[in-house]
N, C-alpha and C. Protein backbone atom coordinates (compact mmCIF):
# COMPACT_ATOMS: atom_id res chain seq x y z
N GLN A 1 -108.18 43.32 38.23
CA GLN A 1 -107.83 43.68 37.12
C GLN A 1 -108.05 42.13 36.50
N GLY A 2 -108.20 42.08 34.82
CA GLY A 2 -108.80 40.37 34.41
C GLY A 2 -107.39 40.11 33.64
N LYS A 3 -107.39 38.93 33.43
CA LYS A 3 -105.99 38.52 33.08
C LYS A 3 -105.90 38.64 31.66
N GLU A 4 -104.40 38.58 31.30
CA GLU A 4 -104.27 38.94 29.67
C GLU A 4 -105.01 37.50 29.05
N VAL A 5 -105.09 37.38 27.83
CA VAL A 5 -105.81 36.11 27.48
C VAL A 5 -104.54 35.94 25.40
N ALA A 6 -103.85 35.61 25.73
CA ALA A 6 -103.18 35.25 23.67
C ALA A 6 -104.48 34.33 23.07
N ASN A 7 -103.59 34.50 21.99
CA ASN A 7 -104.12 33.59 20.75
C ASN A 7 -105.78 34.67 19.98
N LEU A 8 -105.39 35.52 19.72
CA LEU A 8 -106.98 36.10 19.88
C LEU A 8 -107.22 36.17 18.06
N ASP A 9 -106.11 35.31 17.84
CA ASP A 9 -106.10 34.59 15.60
C ASP A 9 -107.52 34.37 15.46
N LYS A 10 -108.57 33.79 16.44
CA LYS A 10 -109.66 33.53 15.43
C LYS A 10 -109.85 33.42 17.36
N LEU A 11 -111.96 33.86 16.31
CA LEU A 11 -112.52 33.07 17.69
C LEU A 11 -113.44 32.73 17.30
N ILE A 12 -114.03 31.86 18.86
CA ILE A 12 -115.26 30.99 18.07
C ILE A 12 -116.75 31.53 19.31
N LEU A 13 -117.32 31.99 18.68
CA LEU A 13 -119.04 32.46 19.40
C LEU A 13 -119.67 31.36 19.08
N TYR A 14 -120.53 31.09 20.37
CA TYR A 14 -121.41 29.75 20.63
C TYR A 14 -123.06 31.05 21.02
N THR A 15 -123.38 31.11 20.41
CA THR A 15 -124.61 32.14 20.19
C THR A 15 -126.07 31.25 20.41
N ASP A 16 -127.32 31.62 21.41
CA ASP A 16 -128.09 31.16 21.03
C ASP A 16 -129.45 31.63 21.25
N GLY A 17 -130.75 31.13 21.33
CA GLY A 17 -131.49 31.64 21.76
C GLY A 17 -133.24 31.10 22.33
N ALA A 18 -134.09 31.87 22.78
CA ALA A 18 -134.69 31.13 22.82
C ALA A 18 -135.81 31.26 23.84
N SER A 19 -137.28 31.11 23.11
CA SER A 19 -138.44 31.66 24.07
C SER A 19 -139.37 30.60 24.70
N LEU A 20 -139.79 31.27 25.48
CA LEU A 20 -140.77 30.30 26.30
C LEU A 20 -142.62 30.84 25.80
N GLY A 21 -142.88 29.73 25.24
CA GLY A 21 -143.65 30.31 24.41
C GLY A 21 -143.55 30.61 22.35
N ASN A 22 -144.26 31.04 22.03
CA ASN A 22 -143.61 31.63 20.93
C ASN A 22 -145.11 31.88 20.24
N PRO A 23 -145.06 33.03 20.09
CA PRO A 23 -143.95 34.17 21.08
C PRO A 23 -144.30 33.68 22.78
N GLY A 24 -142.70 34.78 23.18
CA GLY A 24 -143.22 34.46 24.58
C GLY A 24 -141.42 35.01 25.60
N ARG A 25 -141.28 34.69 26.42
CA ARG A 25 -140.66 35.38 27.00
C ARG A 25 -139.11 35.67 26.41
N ALA A 26 -138.30 36.15 25.89
CA ALA A 26 -137.31 35.42 25.28
C ALA A 26 -135.87 35.95 25.98
N GLY A 27 -135.15 35.18 25.47
CA GLY A 27 -133.36 35.31 26.04
C GLY A 27 -132.90 34.95 24.83
N ILE A 28 -131.14 35.54 25.17
CA ILE A 28 -130.14 35.21 24.19
C ILE A 28 -128.89 34.54 25.17
N GLY A 29 -128.29 33.97 24.94
CA GLY A 29 -127.11 33.50 25.87
C GLY A 29 -125.93 33.32 24.65
N ILE A 30 -124.77 33.92 24.99
CA ILE A 30 -124.27 34.04 23.78
C ILE A 30 -122.32 33.57 25.41
N VAL A 31 -120.94 32.75 24.50
CA VAL A 31 -119.72 33.21 24.86
C VAL A 31 -119.42 33.16 23.96
N ILE A 32 -118.41 34.09 24.40
CA ILE A 32 -117.12 34.04 22.79
C ILE A 32 -115.61 33.41 23.63
N TYR A 33 -115.07 32.36 22.91
CA TYR A 33 -113.74 31.51 23.20
C TYR A 33 -112.72 31.89 21.95
N ASN A 34 -111.66 32.17 22.61
CA ASN A 34 -109.72 31.63 21.63
C ASN A 34 -109.88 30.70 21.32
N GLN A 35 -109.08 30.73 20.08
CA GLN A 35 -109.21 29.17 19.62
C GLN A 35 -108.05 28.57 20.76
N ASN A 36 -107.96 28.63 22.18
CA ASN A 36 -107.38 28.22 23.06
C ASN A 36 -108.01 27.34 24.03
N ARG A 37 -109.57 28.32 23.90
CA ARG A 37 -110.68 27.51 24.55
C ARG A 37 -110.90 28.74 25.51
N ASP A 38 -110.00 29.98 26.02
CA ASP A 38 -110.68 30.46 26.77
C ASP A 38 -111.74 31.97 26.40
N VAL A 39 -112.24 31.64 27.70
CA VAL A 39 -113.63 32.51 27.20
C VAL A 39 -113.40 33.75 27.53
N ILE A 40 -113.11 34.79 26.61
CA ILE A 40 -113.45 36.32 26.40
C ILE A 40 -114.23 36.35 27.40
N ARG A 41 -115.57 36.11 26.60
CA ARG A 41 -116.99 37.39 27.08
C ARG A 41 -117.84 36.12 27.04
N ARG A 42 -118.35 36.30 28.17
CA ARG A 42 -119.85 35.75 28.22
C ARG A 42 -120.83 37.38 28.82
N MET A 43 -122.32 37.26 27.90
CA MET A 43 -123.58 37.58 27.67
C MET A 43 -124.75 36.65 28.38
N THR A 44 -126.02 37.50 29.19
CA THR A 44 -126.71 36.75 28.92
C THR A 44 -128.00 38.17 28.67
N GLU A 45 -129.18 38.08 27.74
CA GLU A 45 -129.45 39.08 27.78
C GLU A 45 -131.35 38.45 27.83
N PHE A 46 -132.43 38.88 28.52
CA PHE A 46 -133.57 39.52 28.41
C PHE A 46 -134.17 40.27 27.00
N ILE A 47 -134.68 39.58 25.81
CA ILE A 47 -134.47 40.15 24.91
C ILE A 47 -137.32 40.77 24.43
N GLY A 48 -137.47 40.46 25.91
CA GLY A 48 -138.55 40.90 25.88
C GLY A 48 -139.61 39.55 25.25
N ILE A 49 -140.82 39.71 24.67
CA ILE A 49 -141.74 38.32 24.03
C ILE A 49 -141.60 39.07 22.81
N ASN A 50 -141.01 37.83 22.06
CA ASN A 50 -140.45 37.17 21.15
C ASN A 50 -140.80 35.89 20.43
N THR A 51 -140.15 35.82 19.45
CA THR A 51 -140.55 34.33 19.15
C THR A 51 -138.54 33.45 19.22
N ASN A 52 -139.42 31.28 19.29
CA ASN A 52 -138.11 31.80 19.20
C ASN A 52 -136.78 31.98 18.05
N ASN A 53 -137.24 31.56 17.09
CA ASN A 53 -136.83 32.50 15.57
C ASN A 53 -135.98 34.28 15.60
N VAL A 54 -136.62 34.39 16.41
CA VAL A 54 -135.98 36.30 16.86
C VAL A 54 -134.74 36.28 17.51
N ALA A 55 -135.18 35.33 18.92
CA ALA A 55 -134.29 35.24 20.13
C ALA A 55 -132.81 34.56 19.10
N GLU A 56 -132.92 33.89 17.47
CA GLU A 56 -131.84 32.95 17.69
C GLU A 56 -131.09 34.08 16.29
N TYR A 57 -132.19 35.03 16.22
CA TYR A 57 -131.03 36.10 15.58
C TYR A 57 -130.69 36.84 16.09
N MET A 58 -131.25 37.40 16.99
CA MET A 58 -130.90 38.50 17.78
C MET A 58 -129.57 37.91 18.59
N ALA A 59 -129.68 36.67 18.78
CA ALA A 59 -127.98 36.55 19.93
C ALA A 59 -126.65 36.51 18.62
N LEU A 60 -127.52 35.75 17.38
CA LEU A 60 -126.48 36.53 17.05
C LEU A 60 -125.46 37.70 16.57
N ILE A 61 -126.64 38.90 16.10
CA ILE A 61 -126.06 40.01 15.54
C ILE A 61 -126.39 40.47 17.38
N TYR A 62 -126.82 40.00 18.34
CA TYR A 62 -126.58 41.23 19.76
C TYR A 62 -124.44 40.26 19.72
N ALA A 63 -124.09 39.14 19.32
CA ALA A 63 -122.64 38.56 19.46
C ALA A 63 -121.93 39.35 18.88
N LEU A 64 -121.91 40.17 17.70
CA LEU A 64 -121.35 40.40 16.57
C LEU A 64 -121.12 41.70 17.07
N THR A 65 -122.34 42.24 17.55
CA THR A 65 -121.91 43.79 18.45
C THR A 65 -120.81 44.25 18.97
N ASN A 66 -121.56 43.63 19.96
CA ASN A 66 -120.63 43.57 21.13
C ASN A 66 -119.86 42.81 21.92
N CYS A 67 -119.11 42.57 20.45
CA CYS A 67 -117.55 41.38 20.91
C CYS A 67 -116.85 43.27 20.21
N PRO A 68 -115.96 43.41 21.29
CA PRO A 68 -115.16 44.48 20.54
C PRO A 68 -114.11 43.97 19.38
N PRO A 69 -114.38 45.69 18.43
CA PRO A 69 -113.30 44.87 17.34
C PRO A 69 -112.37 44.50 17.12
N TYR A 70 -111.62 45.71 18.46
CA TYR A 70 -110.49 45.10 18.77
C TYR A 70 -109.85 43.62 18.19
N LEU A 71 -111.18 42.67 19.24
CA LEU A 71 -110.21 41.26 19.04
C LEU A 71 -111.85 40.58 17.97
N PHE A 72 -112.12 40.99 17.20
CA PHE A 72 -112.58 40.44 16.28
C PHE A 72 -112.73 40.55 14.84
N THR A 73 -112.28 40.04 13.63
CA THR A 73 -112.50 39.66 12.59
C THR A 73 -112.89 38.57 11.97
N PRO A 74 -114.62 39.48 11.56
CA PRO A 74 -114.89 37.39 11.54
C PRO A 74 -114.52 37.37 10.24
N ARG A 75 -113.85 36.01 9.71
CA ARG A 75 -113.65 35.10 8.68
C ARG A 75 -114.75 34.13 7.97
N CYS A 76 -115.95 33.27 9.52
CA CYS A 76 -116.23 32.16 8.25
C CYS A 76 -117.47 33.52 10.24
N LEU A 77 -118.41 32.33 9.71
CA LEU A 77 -119.79 31.71 10.45
C LEU A 77 -120.49 30.21 10.44
N GLU A 78 -120.40 29.83 11.01
CA GLU A 78 -120.97 28.66 10.92
C GLU A 78 -122.10 28.79 11.81
N ALA A 79 -123.79 28.11 11.43
CA ALA A 79 -124.26 28.41 12.11
C ALA A 79 -125.03 26.85 13.08
N LEU A 80 -125.47 26.71 13.41
CA LEU A 80 -126.16 25.33 13.80
C LEU A 80 -127.66 24.83 13.54
N SER A 81 -128.30 26.83 13.86
CA SER A 81 -129.74 26.86 14.47
C SER A 81 -130.07 26.62 12.78
N LEU A 82 -131.48 25.86 11.95
CA LEU A 82 -131.78 26.44 11.18
C LEU A 82 -132.56 27.67 10.55
N PRO A 83 -133.26 28.12 11.45
CA PRO A 83 -133.13 29.40 11.27
C PRO A 83 -132.07 30.59 10.97
N LEU A 84 -130.92 30.46 11.30
CA LEU A 84 -129.54 30.50 10.49
C LEU A 84 -129.49 30.62 9.56
N GLN A 85 -129.36 29.36 9.36
CA GLN A 85 -128.96 28.95 8.11
C GLN A 85 -129.97 29.39 7.11
N GLU A 86 -130.81 29.70 7.41
CA GLU A 86 -131.78 29.78 5.78
C GLU A 86 -132.14 31.36 5.97
N CYS A 87 -131.20 31.56 7.01
CA CYS A 87 -131.70 33.52 6.55
C CYS A 87 -131.19 34.82 5.25
N PRO A 88 -131.31 35.26 4.92
CA PRO A 88 -131.17 35.83 3.69
C PRO A 88 -130.35 36.66 4.60
N CYS A 89 -129.32 36.51 4.83
CA CYS A 89 -128.56 37.65 5.95
C CYS A 89 -127.07 37.26 4.69
N PRO A 90 -127.01 39.14 4.01
CA PRO A 90 -125.39 38.80 3.33
C PRO A 90 -124.24 38.04 4.33
N PHE A 91 -124.68 38.68 5.69
CA PHE A 91 -122.98 38.07 6.55
C PHE A 91 -123.34 36.59 6.85
N LEU A 92 -124.19 36.19 6.24
CA LEU A 92 -124.68 34.76 7.00
C LEU A 92 -123.52 34.00 5.67
């Protein structure tokens, strides 16, 4: 059985995407923490042949769509990735 994790008021999503070549074999990685830095979820996924930028976008989209809705209500998204910072997405 999983342990009960407290303090879900604020979740921190770390995402990254990369490709070996551009385009090339690409993958994403996601770690979700609560405000106490307890790991809520870890995810990795091969996403086929894609560019580095697509991998960066897919990592964020995958994190937001695979985080259980009862755990997370987005209030603020901060992106270190330049492609995500410049993305014309309405949710960033």
